[in-house]
Amino acid sequence: MAGSILGQDSWFRFLLHAALGALLWAGAWITLGYACADAIGFLAREAARVGAPLAVGIAVALIVYLVITYLKRRRFLDHLRQARITARTAP
């Protein structure tokens, strides 16, 4: 894009490359969705069956993760607050 802005490339060529990239990106995800449609349908049916317990499990896992992350951060900050050795000045 920098080349296009600086005039080293035409806007048409830039837009052509952007469109091709978007088509490739979208095509890859559409193909993956088509290839995995059965698995996605199965997962959706199972998620609907276990609905509430799955949501509770995910919530508990998220809370545990957040608590562990908070405790690690707290321990790290406490470590930073400890007294440090300083250089002794000559008398």
N, C-alpha and C. Protein backbone atom coordinates (compact mmCIF):
# COMPACT_ATOMS: atom_id res chain seq x y z
N MET A 1 0.82 -1.18 0.00
CA MET A 1 0.00 0.00 0.00
C MET A 1 0.87 1.25 0.00
N ALA A 2 2.02 1.19 0.65
CA ALA A 2 2.88 2.36 0.69
C ALA A 2 3.33 2.74 -0.72
N GLY A 3 3.60 1.73 -1.53
CA GLY A 3 4.00 2.02 -2.90
C GLY A 3 2.90 2.72 -3.68
N SER A 4 1.67 2.31 -3.43
CA SER A 4 0.55 2.94 -4.11
C SER A 4 0.37 4.38 -3.66
N ILE A 5 0.53 4.62 -2.39
CA ILE A 5 0.37 5.97 -1.87
C ILE A 5 1.47 6.88 -2.38
N LEU A 6 2.67 6.34 -2.48
CA LEU A 6 3.79 7.15 -2.92
C LEU A 6 3.86 7.30 -4.43
N GLY A 7 2.92 6.72 -5.15
CA GLY A 7 2.88 6.89 -6.58
C GLY A 7 3.73 5.89 -7.34
N GLN A 8 4.26 4.89 -6.68
CA GLN A 8 5.09 3.90 -7.36
C GLN A 8 4.24 2.81 -8.00
N ASP A 9 2.99 2.78 -7.70
CA ASP A 9 2.09 1.77 -8.23
C ASP A 9 0.75 2.44 -8.52
N SER A 10 0.01 1.88 -9.47
CA SER A 10 -1.27 2.50 -9.80
C SER A 10 -2.34 2.06 -8.79
N TRP A 11 -3.34 2.92 -8.62
CA TRP A 11 -4.44 2.58 -7.72
C TRP A 11 -5.21 1.37 -8.23
N PHE A 12 -5.32 1.26 -9.55
CA PHE A 12 -6.03 0.12 -10.12
C PHE A 12 -5.33 -1.19 -9.74
N ARG A 13 -4.03 -1.20 -9.85
CA ARG A 13 -3.27 -2.42 -9.52
C ARG A 13 -3.40 -2.74 -8.02
N PHE A 14 -3.35 -1.71 -7.20
CA PHE A 14 -3.52 -1.93 -5.76
C PHE A 14 -4.90 -2.52 -5.47
N LEU A 15 -5.95 -1.94 -6.05
CA LEU A 15 -7.30 -2.45 -5.82
C LEU A 15 -7.46 -3.87 -6.36
N LEU A 16 -6.82 -4.16 -7.47
CA LEU A 16 -6.87 -5.51 -8.03
C LEU A 16 -6.25 -6.51 -7.06
N HIS A 17 -5.09 -6.18 -6.53
CA HIS A 17 -4.43 -7.09 -5.57
C HIS A 17 -5.24 -7.22 -4.28
N ALA A 18 -5.83 -6.13 -3.82
CA ALA A 18 -6.65 -6.19 -2.61
C ALA A 18 -7.87 -7.08 -2.84
N ALA A 19 -8.51 -6.95 -3.98
CA ALA A 19 -9.68 -7.77 -4.29
C ALA A 19 -9.30 -9.24 -4.41
N LEU A 20 -8.18 -9.53 -5.05
CA LEU A 20 -7.74 -10.92 -5.17
C LEU A 20 -7.42 -11.51 -3.80
N GLY A 21 -6.79 -10.74 -2.97
CA GLY A 21 -6.50 -11.21 -1.62
C GLY A 21 -7.77 -11.49 -0.84
N ALA A 22 -8.75 -10.61 -0.96
CA ALA A 22 -10.02 -10.81 -0.27
C ALA A 22 -10.74 -12.05 -0.78
N LEU A 23 -10.70 -12.27 -2.09
CA LEU A 23 -11.33 -13.46 -2.66
C LEU A 23 -10.64 -14.73 -2.18
N LEU A 24 -9.33 -14.72 -2.15
CA LEU A 24 -8.60 -15.89 -1.66
C LEU A 24 -8.91 -16.16 -0.19
N TRP A 25 -8.92 -15.12 0.62
CA TRP A 25 -9.19 -15.26 2.05
C TRP A 25 -10.61 -15.80 2.27
N ALA A 26 -11.59 -15.18 1.63
CA ALA A 26 -12.97 -15.62 1.79
C ALA A 26 -13.16 -17.02 1.22
N GLY A 27 -12.53 -17.28 0.10
CA GLY A 27 -12.64 -18.61 -0.52
C GLY A 27 -12.07 -19.70 0.37
N ALA A 28 -10.98 -19.42 1.03
CA ALA A 28 -10.37 -20.41 1.92
C ALA A 28 -11.32 -20.74 3.08
N TRP A 29 -11.93 -19.72 3.69
CA TRP A 29 -12.84 -19.97 4.81
C TRP A 29 -14.13 -20.63 4.36
N ILE A 30 -14.63 -20.27 3.19
CA ILE A 30 -15.84 -20.91 2.67
C ILE A 30 -15.57 -22.38 2.37
N THR A 31 -14.42 -22.66 1.77
CA THR A 31 -14.05 -24.04 1.48
C THR A 31 -13.90 -24.85 2.77
N LEU A 32 -13.26 -24.27 3.76
CA LEU A 32 -13.11 -24.95 5.04
C LEU A 32 -14.47 -25.21 5.69
N GLY A 33 -15.37 -24.25 5.62
CA GLY A 33 -16.72 -24.44 6.16
C GLY A 33 -17.49 -25.52 5.44
N TYR A 34 -17.34 -25.56 4.12
CA TYR A 34 -18.01 -26.58 3.32
C TYR A 34 -17.46 -27.97 3.65
N ALA A 35 -16.14 -28.07 3.77
CA ALA A 35 -15.50 -29.35 4.04
C ALA A 35 -15.83 -29.85 5.44
N CYS A 36 -16.03 -28.96 6.38
CA CYS A 36 -16.28 -29.34 7.77
C CYS A 36 -17.74 -29.17 8.17
N ALA A 37 -18.64 -29.08 7.21
CA ALA A 37 -20.05 -28.81 7.51
C ALA A 37 -20.65 -29.87 8.42
N ASP A 38 -20.33 -31.14 8.18
CA ASP A 38 -20.88 -32.20 9.02
C ASP A 38 -20.39 -32.08 10.45
N ALA A 39 -19.11 -31.81 10.62
CA ALA A 39 -18.55 -31.68 11.96
C ALA A 39 -19.13 -30.45 12.66
N ILE A 40 -19.31 -29.37 11.92
CA ILE A 40 -19.88 -28.15 12.52
C ILE A 40 -21.32 -28.41 12.95
N GLY A 41 -22.09 -29.11 12.13
CA GLY A 41 -23.47 -29.46 12.49
C GLY A 41 -23.52 -30.35 13.71
N PHE A 42 -22.63 -31.33 13.78
CA PHE A 42 -22.57 -32.22 14.94
C PHE A 42 -22.25 -31.44 16.20
N LEU A 43 -21.25 -30.56 16.12
CA LEU A 43 -20.88 -29.76 17.29
C LEU A 43 -22.03 -28.84 17.72
N ALA A 44 -22.75 -28.28 16.77
CA ALA A 44 -23.87 -27.40 17.10
C ALA A 44 -24.98 -28.19 17.80
N ARG A 45 -25.27 -29.41 17.31
CA ARG A 45 -26.30 -30.24 17.96
C ARG A 45 -25.87 -30.62 19.38
N GLU A 46 -24.63 -31.01 19.55
CA GLU A 46 -24.14 -31.40 20.88
C GLU A 46 -24.12 -30.21 21.83
N ALA A 47 -23.73 -29.04 21.33
CA ALA A 47 -23.72 -27.84 22.17
C ALA A 47 -25.14 -27.48 22.60
N ALA A 48 -26.12 -27.67 21.72
CA ALA A 48 -27.50 -27.38 22.07
C ALA A 48 -28.00 -28.37 23.12
N ARG A 49 -27.53 -29.62 23.04
CA ARG A 49 -27.96 -30.65 23.98
C ARG A 49 -27.41 -30.39 25.38
N VAL A 50 -26.14 -29.97 25.44
CA VAL A 50 -25.52 -29.77 26.75
C VAL A 50 -25.56 -28.31 27.19
N GLY A 51 -26.11 -27.43 26.39
CA GLY A 51 -26.28 -26.00 26.60
C GLY A 51 -25.81 -25.40 27.90
N ALA A 52 -26.65 -25.49 28.95
CA ALA A 52 -26.35 -24.81 30.21
C ALA A 52 -25.08 -25.35 30.88
N PRO A 53 -24.90 -26.68 30.98
CA PRO A 53 -23.67 -27.17 31.61
C PRO A 53 -22.41 -26.71 30.86
N LEU A 54 -22.50 -26.65 29.56
CA LEU A 54 -21.35 -26.18 28.78
C LEU A 54 -21.06 -24.72 29.09
N ALA A 55 -22.08 -23.90 29.16
CA ALA A 55 -21.89 -22.48 29.47
C ALA A 55 -21.30 -22.30 30.86
N VAL A 56 -21.78 -23.10 31.83
CA VAL A 56 -21.24 -23.02 33.19
C VAL A 56 -19.77 -23.45 33.20
N GLY A 57 -19.46 -24.52 32.48
CA GLY A 57 -18.07 -24.99 32.41
C GLY A 57 -17.15 -23.96 31.80
N ILE A 58 -17.59 -23.32 30.75
CA ILE A 58 -16.78 -22.28 30.11
C ILE A 58 -16.60 -21.09 31.05
N ALA A 59 -17.68 -20.72 31.75
CA ALA A 59 -17.59 -19.59 32.69
C ALA A 59 -16.63 -19.91 33.82
N VAL A 60 -16.70 -21.12 34.36
CA VAL A 60 -15.80 -21.52 35.45
C VAL A 60 -14.35 -21.51 34.96
N ALA A 61 -14.11 -22.05 33.77
CA ALA A 61 -12.76 -22.07 33.22
C ALA A 61 -12.23 -20.65 33.04
N LEU A 62 -13.08 -19.74 32.57
CA LEU A 62 -12.67 -18.35 32.39
C LEU A 62 -12.34 -17.69 33.73
N ILE A 63 -13.17 -17.95 34.73
CA ILE A 63 -12.93 -17.36 36.06
C ILE A 63 -11.62 -17.90 36.65
N VAL A 64 -11.39 -19.20 36.53
CA VAL A 64 -10.14 -19.79 37.03
C VAL A 64 -8.95 -19.17 36.33
N TYR A 65 -9.05 -19.02 35.02
CA TYR A 65 -7.95 -18.41 34.26
C TYR A 65 -7.68 -16.98 34.73
N LEU A 66 -8.74 -16.20 34.92
CA LEU A 66 -8.57 -14.81 35.34
C LEU A 66 -7.97 -14.73 36.75
N VAL A 67 -8.40 -15.60 37.65
CA VAL A 67 -7.85 -15.60 39.01
C VAL A 67 -6.37 -15.97 38.99
N ILE A 68 -6.01 -17.00 38.24
CA ILE A 68 -4.60 -17.40 38.15
C ILE A 68 -3.76 -16.28 37.55
N THR A 69 -4.25 -15.65 36.50
CA THR A 69 -3.52 -14.54 35.87
C THR A 69 -3.36 -13.39 36.85
N TYR A 70 -4.41 -13.07 37.60
CA TYR A 70 -4.33 -12.00 38.58
C TYR A 70 -3.30 -12.32 39.65
N LEU A 71 -3.30 -13.56 40.16
CA LEU A 71 -2.35 -13.94 41.20
C LEU A 71 -0.90 -13.91 40.70
N LYS A 72 -0.70 -14.36 39.47
CA LYS A 72 0.66 -14.30 38.89
C LYS A 72 1.13 -12.85 38.76
N ARG A 73 0.24 -12.00 38.30
CA ARG A 73 0.60 -10.58 38.14
C ARG A 73 0.89 -9.96 39.50
N ARG A 74 0.07 -10.28 40.47
CA ARG A 74 0.26 -9.74 41.82
C ARG A 74 1.61 -10.18 42.39
N ARG A 75 1.95 -11.47 42.23
CA ARG A 75 3.22 -11.99 42.73
C ARG A 75 4.39 -11.30 42.01
N PHE A 76 4.25 -11.09 40.71
CA PHE A 76 5.30 -10.42 39.94
C PHE A 76 5.49 -8.99 40.42
N LEU A 77 4.39 -8.25 40.64
CA LEU A 77 4.50 -6.87 41.10
C LEU A 77 5.08 -6.80 42.51
N ASP A 78 4.73 -7.76 43.37
CA ASP A 78 5.32 -7.81 44.71
C ASP A 78 6.82 -8.05 44.62
N HIS A 79 7.23 -8.90 43.68
CA HIS A 79 8.65 -9.16 43.48
C HIS A 79 9.38 -7.88 43.04
N LEU A 80 8.75 -7.09 42.21
CA LEU A 80 9.37 -5.85 41.75
C LEU A 80 9.50 -4.82 42.87
N ARG A 81 8.61 -4.89 43.85
CA ARG A 81 8.64 -3.92 44.95
C ARG A 81 9.70 -4.25 46.01
N GLN A 82 10.31 -5.41 45.93
CA GLN A 82 11.31 -5.80 46.93
C GLN A 82 12.50 -4.86 46.87
N ALA A 83 13.18 -4.75 48.03
CA ALA A 83 14.36 -3.89 48.09
C ALA A 83 15.44 -4.45 47.17
N ARG A 84 16.14 -3.55 46.54
CA ARG A 84 17.19 -3.96 45.61
C ARG A 84 18.56 -3.58 46.18
N ILE A 85 19.54 -4.29 45.72
CA ILE A 85 20.91 -4.00 46.12
C ILE A 85 21.37 -2.76 45.34
N THR A 86 21.93 -1.82 46.04
CA THR A 86 22.41 -0.62 45.38
C THR A 86 23.93 -0.55 45.46
N ALA A 87 24.51 0.21 44.62
CA ALA A 87 25.96 0.36 44.63
C ALA A 87 26.37 1.19 45.85
N ARG A 88 27.42 0.79 46.51
CA ARG A 88 27.91 1.51 47.68
C ARG A 88 28.85 2.60 47.21
N THR A 89 28.66 3.77 47.74
CA THR A 89 29.53 4.88 47.34
C THR A 89 30.78 4.87 48.22
N ALA A 90 31.87 5.29 47.65
CA ALA A 90 33.15 5.33 48.39
C ALA A 90 33.11 6.45 49.41
N PRO A 91 33.66 6.21 50.61
CA PRO A 91 33.65 7.26 51.65
C PRO A 91 34.58 8.41 51.35
